[in-house]
Amino acid sequence: MKRILSLIMVVAMLFAVLALVGCDKDKPEDTTTEATTTETTTSDTTTETTTETTTSETTTETTTETTTSETTTETTTETTTSETTTETTTETTTSETTTGAITTGTTVPLYARFDFGTKTKAEDEGLTSHEYLTSILKYNAEYLAIEYTEDTWVLYATQDYKSGLDVDTFALCFENIVTYDFDAELMPGWGAWSGAPFTTANVGKSWVGKHQYMQVRMLNATNNNMMSIHFMKASDASWSHAQIATCMYLQGGAPASASDKKFTADPATEFDTYTYDVNFLAGVAYYKNTHSSYMGWVDAVKAAGSISNGSTTQGNNWMWSPTIVGIKFHFMGAYAAGTNNGNVSQASFGDTRANIKQGNKVEIDYVIFGSSIDQLDAYTSYLEDAAK
């Protein structure tokens, strides 16, 4: 009986072993099917061992591919970032296109050499220095006194103006402003297109980009309503009476008629900023015609629609030089030349030195030159910043 039981147990164990062997066979058959699919894509498998190895590698590769697929999906979700970049690029392109429609050339930097004071923004930015300005300054100390503050120069008339005095008696004279100490030079000419804003004929054709405009910030505590500048061109190296820009009206504003000269106004009690088109005002002081007033010049330019480059009827010397090498500021009262070549005397409507009286006081923050009014308005002094 024991033997029969033993035989039965042996038989049972034999079937169990065969069953296990059968299970192992079924597994490679399933894997072989998968391997066959992989082999079709990649390479032939020569042995079952290789097939099993390939099966193992295939499993690993499949996992890797799944990970890559997930990464790709995450990248796809970052489409928002991609769209944002595209929008930014579009805006930049639009901006460049708009700018290109306005300008087609370079514009000279702001000229802030005459930011007056012992501690100024222009000096801190390397555009000028008090030491430099005082080293090239000339003035008549018998008639004019100067007080230097941190951000201004204060001018005092110590005597009345009298007929026959030298034209520079009350002027600040800078006879040599060309220097290697600072990069910027005073480059006269049209600020944008040639002839702008008086004509649009050269828009898109003739870009200039030079210093056309001048801005002064000052406190004029006098009844004088006009200042002027006298400039020296590199081509002349002399102070010609034709190189003057006058009718630079101050706190009282410009005249509205030919009969109103606007020589005087109530003294100012605070700083104000005045902006001038030097190209236009240089023509006031030098033209060969019969106009006898500032408004006469205004009407002539309006009628012509432009400022001539120096014809027999209209003249302008501001634009005729690559650089200005010297400049004089007549802050206390405007100077204008007398009769020019037998024509009308500009002094009759552009000279206010008779307004200069002993004790008159003018405080100047800065005089700057630029290619546009916006460029000038963007500049502020420390004193101006503190007042805001």
Protein backbone atom coordinates (compact mmCIF):
# COMPACT_ATOMS: atom_id res chain seq x y z
CA MET A 1 0.00 0.00 0.00
CA LYS A 2 2.79 2.29 0.93
CA ARG A 3 4.39 1.46 -2.38
CA ILE A 4 1.20 2.30 -4.29
CA LEU A 5 1.02 5.59 -2.44
CA SER A 6 4.64 6.24 -3.24
CA LEU A 7 4.06 5.53 -6.91
CA ILE A 8 1.05 7.79 -6.89
CA MET A 9 3.15 10.55 -5.29
CA VAL A 10 5.91 10.08 -7.84
CA VAL A 11 3.43 10.25 -10.69
CA ALA A 12 1.86 13.35 -9.17
CA MET A 13 5.25 15.02 -8.86
CA LEU A 14 6.08 14.08 -12.46
CA PHE A 15 2.89 15.74 -13.70
CA ALA A 16 3.67 18.81 -11.64
CA VAL A 17 7.12 19.08 -13.20
CA LEU A 18 5.67 18.62 -16.68
CA ALA A 19 3.10 21.25 -15.90
CA LEU A 20 5.83 23.68 -14.88
CA VAL A 21 7.80 22.94 -18.04
CA GLY A 22 4.69 23.60 -20.06
CA CYS A 23 4.22 26.99 -18.40
CA ASP A 24 7.80 28.00 -19.25
CA LYS A 25 7.28 27.16 -22.88
CA ASP A 26 4.09 29.20 -23.15
CA LYS A 27 5.89 32.32 -21.94
CA PRO A 28 8.60 32.41 -24.66
CA GLU A 29 5.91 31.88 -27.29
CA ASP A 30 4.13 35.07 -26.21
CA THR A 31 7.44 36.99 -25.97
CA THR A 32 8.54 35.59 -29.31
CA THR A 33 5.48 37.12 -30.88
CA GLU A 34 6.42 40.53 -29.46
CA ALA A 35 10.02 40.01 -30.47
CA THR A 36 8.96 39.14 -33.99
CA THR A 37 7.16 42.49 -34.21
CA THR A 38 10.24 44.31 -32.97
CA GLU A 39 12.50 42.39 -35.31
CA THR A 40 10.45 43.46 -38.28
CA THR A 41 11.22 47.08 -37.40
CA THR A 42 14.82 46.71 -36.37
CA SER A 43 16.91 43.65 -37.19
CA ASP A 44 16.72 39.87 -37.55
CA THR A 45 17.23 37.66 -34.50
CA THR A 46 19.34 34.56 -35.10
CA THR A 47 18.80 32.55 -31.91
CA GLU A 48 16.27 32.18 -29.19
CA THR A 49 18.79 33.57 -26.71
CA THR A 50 19.19 36.65 -28.83
CA THR A 51 15.45 36.90 -29.12
CA GLU A 52 15.11 36.83 -25.36
CA THR A 53 17.78 39.49 -24.98
CA THR A 54 16.09 41.58 -27.60
CA THR A 55 12.87 41.08 -25.72
CA SER A 56 14.47 42.48 -22.59
CA GLU A 57 15.94 45.45 -24.46
CA THR A 58 12.66 45.98 -26.26
CA THR A 59 10.89 46.27 -22.94
CA THR A 60 13.42 48.89 -21.80
CA GLU A 61 13.16 50.82 -25.05
CA THR A 62 9.41 50.80 -24.85
CA THR A 63 9.60 52.35 -21.40
CA THR A 64 12.03 54.98 -22.65
CA GLU A 65 9.83 55.78 -25.61
CA THR A 66 6.90 56.21 -23.27
CA THR A 67 8.89 58.69 -21.21
CA THR A 68 9.89 60.57 -24.34
CA SER A 69 6.31 60.65 -25.45
CA GLU A 70 5.31 62.19 -22.12
CA THR A 71 8.07 64.77 -22.44
CA THR A 72 6.85 65.65 -25.90
CA THR A 73 3.38 66.10 -24.50
CA GLU A 74 4.74 68.50 -21.85
CA THR A 75 6.56 70.48 -24.51
CA THR A 76 3.32 70.72 -26.44
CA THR A 77 1.62 72.24 -23.40
CA GLU A 78 4.21 75.04 -23.48
CA THR A 79 2.58 76.43 -26.61
CA THR A 80 1.52 79.50 -24.60
CA THR A 81 5.14 80.53 -24.11
CA SER A 82 5.77 80.08 -27.80
CA GLU A 83 2.77 82.28 -28.66
CA THR A 84 3.95 85.01 -26.26
CA THR A 85 7.32 85.11 -27.97
CA THR A 86 5.64 85.45 -31.32
CA GLU A 87 3.54 88.40 -30.11
CA THR A 88 6.59 90.20 -28.71
CA THR A 89 8.41 89.81 -31.99
CA THR A 90 5.44 91.24 -33.85
CA GLU A 91 5.31 94.32 -31.61
CA THR A 92 9.02 94.97 -32.06
CA THR A 93 8.71 94.71 -35.81
CA THR A 94 5.80 97.15 -35.80
CA SER A 95 7.77 99.61 -33.69
CA GLU A 96 10.75 99.43 -35.99
CA THR A 97 8.54 99.91 -39.00
CA THR A 98 6.93 102.99 -37.46
CA THR A 99 10.30 104.44 -36.51
CA GLY A 100 11.63 103.80 -39.97
CA ALA A 101 8.75 105.75 -41.43
CA ILE A 102 9.81 108.81 -39.41
CA THR A 103 13.60 108.77 -39.58
CA THR A 104 16.09 107.31 -41.99
CA GLY A 105 19.33 108.46 -40.48
CA THR A 106 21.23 109.14 -37.28
CA THR A 107 20.59 112.14 -35.06
CA VAL A 108 23.33 113.95 -33.17
CA PRO A 109 23.29 113.63 -29.36
CA LEU A 110 21.89 116.35 -27.14
CA TYR A 111 24.42 119.15 -26.62
CA ALA A 112 24.38 120.04 -22.92
CA ARG A 113 27.75 121.78 -22.62
CA PHE A 114 26.09 124.83 -21.07
CA ASP A 115 24.40 123.26 -18.07
CA PHE A 116 25.58 125.94 -15.65
CA GLY A 117 26.61 125.36 -12.02
CA THR A 118 29.35 123.90 -9.86
CA LYS A 119 27.59 120.54 -9.42
CA THR A 120 25.35 119.76 -12.38
CA LYS A 121 23.72 116.71 -13.92
CA ALA A 122 25.53 117.32 -17.22
CA GLU A 123 28.88 117.30 -15.42
CA ASP A 124 28.01 114.08 -13.58
CA GLU A 125 27.11 112.54 -16.95
CA GLY A 126 30.42 113.63 -18.49
CA LEU A 127 28.90 116.21 -20.85
CA THR A 128 30.56 119.32 -19.43
CA SER A 129 32.33 120.68 -16.36
CA HIS A 130 32.25 123.94 -14.43
CA GLU A 131 36.03 124.12 -14.56
CA TYR A 132 36.01 123.80 -18.33
CA LEU A 133 33.32 126.45 -18.84
CA THR A 134 34.98 129.01 -16.60
CA SER A 135 38.35 128.36 -18.26
CA ILE A 136 37.06 129.46 -21.69
CA LEU A 137 34.67 132.18 -20.46
CA LYS A 138 35.27 135.84 -21.21
CA TYR A 139 33.15 138.73 -19.93
CA ASN A 140 33.45 142.37 -18.95
CA ALA A 141 33.74 142.36 -15.16
CA GLU A 142 33.33 146.15 -15.10
CA TYR A 143 29.70 145.82 -16.22
CA LEU A 144 28.77 142.25 -15.38
CA ALA A 145 29.13 140.21 -12.18
CA ILE A 146 28.66 136.45 -11.95
CA GLU A 147 27.71 134.33 -8.95
CA TYR A 148 28.16 130.56 -9.28
CA THR A 149 25.75 128.26 -7.45
CA GLU A 150 25.61 124.47 -7.53
CA ASP A 151 23.12 124.43 -10.42
CA THR A 152 23.02 127.96 -11.89
CA TRP A 153 24.97 131.03 -12.86
CA VAL A 154 23.50 134.29 -11.58
CA LEU A 155 24.27 137.38 -13.67
CA TYR A 156 24.09 140.97 -12.32
CA ALA A 157 24.35 144.17 -14.34
CA THR A 158 26.60 146.50 -12.35
CA GLN A 159 25.97 149.51 -14.63
CA ASP A 160 23.34 150.75 -17.06
CA TYR A 161 23.72 150.12 -20.75
CA LYS A 162 24.84 153.21 -22.70
CA SER A 163 24.85 153.72 -26.43
CA GLY A 164 28.24 153.12 -27.97
CA LEU A 165 29.30 150.34 -25.60
CA ASP A 166 30.92 147.28 -27.12
CA VAL A 167 28.44 144.67 -28.33
CA ASP A 168 29.77 142.13 -25.80
CA THR A 169 29.73 144.38 -22.74
CA PHE A 170 26.99 142.35 -21.01
CA ALA A 171 27.52 139.03 -22.80
CA LEU A 172 28.95 135.67 -21.77
CA CYS A 173 31.54 134.86 -24.44
CA PHE A 174 32.84 131.36 -25.14
CA GLU A 175 35.27 131.86 -28.00
CA ASN A 176 36.50 128.30 -28.36
CA ILE A 177 34.05 125.52 -27.51
CA VAL A 178 35.68 122.81 -29.61
CA THR A 179 37.46 120.42 -27.25
CA TYR A 180 38.60 116.82 -26.81
CA ASP A 181 37.41 116.88 -23.20
CA PHE A 182 33.86 115.94 -24.21
CA ASP A 183 32.47 113.93 -27.11
CA ALA A 184 29.59 116.14 -28.25
CA GLU A 185 30.06 119.09 -30.58
CA LEU A 186 27.56 121.75 -31.60
CA MET A 187 26.44 120.66 -35.09
CA PRO A 188 24.08 123.24 -36.65
CA GLY A 189 21.47 122.39 -39.26
CA TRP A 190 18.03 120.90 -39.70
CA GLY A 191 16.94 118.61 -36.89
CA ALA A 192 15.03 116.12 -39.03
CA TRP A 193 14.20 116.39 -42.72
CA SER A 194 15.70 119.33 -44.55
CA GLY A 195 13.30 122.27 -44.27
CA ALA A 196 11.12 120.77 -41.52
CA PRO A 197 8.78 121.87 -40.08
CA PHE A 198 8.28 124.62 -42.66
CA THR A 199 8.01 122.25 -45.59
CA THR A 200 7.41 118.54 -46.14
CA ALA A 201 9.03 118.47 -49.57
CA ASN A 202 12.08 116.55 -48.33
CA VAL A 203 10.33 114.01 -46.11
CA GLY A 204 11.73 110.61 -46.98
CA LYS A 205 14.41 112.20 -49.16
CA SER A 206 16.83 114.36 -47.20
CA TRP A 207 17.45 113.47 -43.55
CA VAL A 208 19.80 115.78 -41.63
CA GLY A 209 19.52 115.15 -37.86
CA LYS A 210 21.57 118.11 -36.56
CA HIS A 211 21.05 120.72 -33.80
CA GLN A 212 18.16 122.91 -34.93
CA TYR A 213 16.57 123.81 -31.60
CA MET A 214 17.80 125.58 -28.48
CA GLN A 215 16.21 125.51 -25.02
CA VAL A 216 16.92 127.87 -22.14
CA ARG A 217 15.81 127.48 -18.54
CA MET A 218 16.19 130.71 -16.63
CA LEU A 219 14.67 133.11 -14.13
CA ASN A 220 14.59 136.51 -15.78
CA ALA A 221 13.89 138.94 -12.93
CA THR A 222 14.02 141.94 -15.30
CA ASN A 223 11.56 143.69 -17.61
CA ASN A 224 13.66 142.74 -20.64
CA ASN A 225 11.74 140.38 -22.94
CA MET A 226 14.37 139.25 -25.43
CA MET A 227 17.75 137.52 -25.59
CA SER A 228 19.97 136.53 -28.50
CA ILE A 229 23.00 134.43 -29.39
CA HIS A 230 25.99 135.24 -31.59
CA PHE A 231 27.79 132.26 -33.11
CA MET A 232 31.06 131.64 -34.90
CA LYS A 233 31.25 129.08 -37.70
CA ALA A 234 34.25 126.87 -38.33
CA SER A 235 34.30 128.08 -41.92
CA ASP A 236 34.65 131.75 -40.93
CA ALA A 237 36.51 131.80 -37.60
CA SER A 238 35.14 135.31 -37.06
CA TRP A 239 32.18 137.00 -35.38
CA SER A 240 30.21 138.07 -38.42
CA HIS A 241 27.16 140.31 -37.91
CA ALA A 242 25.29 137.83 -40.12
CA GLN A 243 25.74 135.03 -37.57
CA ILE A 244 23.16 136.10 -35.01
CA ALA A 245 19.89 134.55 -33.86
CA THR A 246 17.75 137.20 -32.18
CA CYS A 247 14.07 137.71 -31.30
CA MET A 248 14.37 135.00 -28.65
CA TYR A 249 11.39 136.18 -26.65
CA LEU A 250 11.16 135.48 -22.93
CA GLN A 251 8.41 135.72 -20.29
CA GLY A 252 6.30 138.22 -22.27
CA GLY A 253 5.99 135.99 -25.34
CA ALA A 254 6.32 136.92 -29.03
CA PRO A 255 4.49 139.79 -30.73
CA ALA A 256 1.24 139.19 -32.58
CA SER A 257 1.59 142.12 -34.98
CA ALA A 258 4.28 144.08 -36.79
CA SER A 259 3.64 147.16 -34.67
CA ASP A 260 4.11 145.31 -31.35
CA LYS A 261 7.82 144.78 -30.75
CA LYS A 262 7.47 143.10 -27.33
CA PHE A 263 10.71 144.60 -26.04
CA THR A 264 9.56 144.54 -22.42
CA ALA A 265 7.45 142.43 -20.04
CA ASP A 266 6.81 142.12 -16.33
CA PRO A 267 9.79 140.59 -14.49
CA ALA A 268 9.49 136.84 -13.93
CA THR A 269 9.36 135.51 -10.38
CA GLU A 270 10.18 131.88 -11.09
CA PHE A 271 12.16 129.74 -13.53
CA ASP A 272 10.67 129.08 -16.94
CA THR A 273 11.77 127.16 -20.02
CA TYR A 274 11.97 128.75 -23.48
CA THR A 275 12.50 126.81 -26.71
CA TYR A 276 13.70 128.33 -29.98
CA ASP A 277 14.12 127.23 -33.59
CA VAL A 278 17.62 128.59 -34.25
CA ASN A 279 17.41 127.95 -37.99
CA PHE A 280 14.32 130.13 -38.15
CA LEU A 281 15.61 132.88 -35.84
CA ALA A 282 19.01 133.07 -37.55
CA GLY A 283 17.06 134.20 -40.60
CA VAL A 284 15.46 137.07 -38.66
CA ALA A 285 18.83 138.71 -38.09
CA TYR A 286 20.09 138.33 -41.62
CA TYR A 287 17.96 138.79 -44.68
CA LYS A 288 18.21 141.08 -47.67
CA ASN A 289 14.75 142.49 -48.04
CA THR A 290 12.55 145.30 -46.77
CA HIS A 291 10.94 143.57 -43.79
CA SER A 292 11.23 145.69 -40.67
CA SER A 293 9.78 143.50 -37.95
CA TYR A 294 9.78 140.02 -36.51
CA MET A 295 6.26 139.47 -37.84
CA GLY A 296 7.48 140.55 -41.26
CA TRP A 297 9.93 137.64 -41.20
CA VAL A 298 7.23 135.27 -39.95
CA ASP A 299 4.93 136.28 -42.79
CA ALA A 300 7.72 135.89 -45.36
CA VAL A 301 8.46 132.35 -44.25
CA LYS A 302 4.78 131.44 -44.16
CA ALA A 303 4.29 132.78 -47.67
CA ALA A 304 7.32 130.93 -49.03
CA GLY A 305 6.60 127.75 -47.07
CA SER A 306 10.29 127.37 -46.34
CA ILE A 307 13.47 129.03 -45.12
CA SER A 308 15.91 129.65 -47.90
CA ASN A 309 19.51 128.51 -47.59
CA GLY A 310 20.76 132.02 -48.23
CA SER A 311 19.16 133.61 -51.28
CA THR A 312 19.04 137.32 -51.97
CA THR A 313 15.67 137.60 -50.26
CA GLN A 314 16.11 135.29 -47.28
CA GLY A 315 19.28 134.21 -45.54
CA ASN A 316 20.27 131.84 -42.79
CA ASN A 317 23.80 131.21 -41.58
CA TRP A 318 23.05 128.62 -38.89
CA MET A 319 23.11 125.73 -41.33
CA TRP A 320 26.22 126.69 -43.25
CA SER A 321 28.89 125.11 -41.06
CA PRO A 322 29.69 121.58 -39.91
CA THR A 323 30.35 122.87 -36.39
CA ILE A 324 29.94 125.97 -34.26
CA VAL A 325 33.31 126.85 -32.75
CA GLY A 326 32.32 129.82 -30.59
CA ILE A 327 29.15 131.26 -29.05
CA LYS A 328 28.07 134.35 -27.11
CA PHE A 329 24.95 134.55 -24.96
CA HIS A 330 23.22 137.92 -24.57
CA PHE A 331 21.01 137.04 -21.59
CA MET A 332 20.72 140.54 -20.12
CA GLY A 333 19.44 142.06 -23.38
CA ALA A 334 19.40 140.93 -27.00
CA TYR A 335 22.05 142.14 -29.39
CA ALA A 336 21.29 142.42 -33.11
CA ALA A 337 23.45 143.85 -35.87
CA GLY A 338 22.91 147.25 -37.39
CA THR A 339 22.21 147.86 -41.07
CA ASN A 340 23.31 144.88 -43.13
CA ASN A 341 24.68 145.72 -46.56
CA GLY A 342 22.46 148.78 -46.86
CA ASN A 343 19.28 146.94 -45.96
CA VAL A 344 16.91 147.22 -43.01
CA SER A 345 18.54 147.42 -39.58
CA GLN A 346 17.79 144.36 -37.47
CA ALA A 347 18.58 146.44 -34.38
CA SER A 348 15.29 148.28 -34.88
CA PHE A 349 13.32 145.20 -33.83
CA GLY A 350 15.86 142.68 -32.51
CA ASP A 351 18.07 144.60 -30.05
CA THR A 352 16.95 145.18 -26.44
CA ARG A 353 20.21 146.16 -24.72
CA ALA A 354 18.65 149.51 -23.81
CA ASN A 355 16.64 147.56 -21.20
CA ILE A 356 19.78 146.70 -19.21
CA LYS A 357 19.86 148.64 -15.94
CA GLN A 358 22.15 148.50 -12.95
CA GLY A 359 20.98 145.80 -10.55
CA ASN A 360 19.24 143.68 -13.18
CA LYS A 361 19.44 140.00 -12.29
CA VAL A 362 19.19 136.92 -14.51
CA GLU A 363 19.69 133.34 -13.25
CA ILE A 364 20.45 130.67 -15.87
CA ASP A 365 20.01 126.97 -15.21
CA TYR A 366 21.02 125.66 -18.65
CA VAL A 367 21.17 126.22 -22.39
CA ILE A 368 20.91 123.01 -24.43
CA PHE A 369 20.76 122.25 -28.16
CA GLY A 370 18.92 119.36 -29.83
CA SER A 371 17.46 117.96 -33.03
CA SER A 372 13.88 118.04 -31.77
CA ILE A 373 11.79 119.69 -29.10
CA ASP A 374 11.05 116.27 -27.61
CA GLN A 375 14.76 115.62 -27.23
CA LEU A 376 15.17 118.93 -25.38
CA ASP A 377 12.12 118.39 -23.18
CA ALA A 378 13.48 115.01 -22.09
CA TYR A 379 16.44 116.69 -20.39
CA THR A 380 16.16 118.00 -16.84
CA SER A 381 18.67 119.57 -14.48
CA TYR A 382 19.04 118.72 -10.80
CA LEU A 383 17.38 122.03 -9.96
CA GLU A 384 14.49 121.19 -12.25
CA ASP A 385 14.13 117.71 -10.75
CA ALA A 386 14.03 119.18 -7.24
CA ALA A 387 11.28 121.61 -8.25
CA LYS A 388 8.95 118.83 -9.48
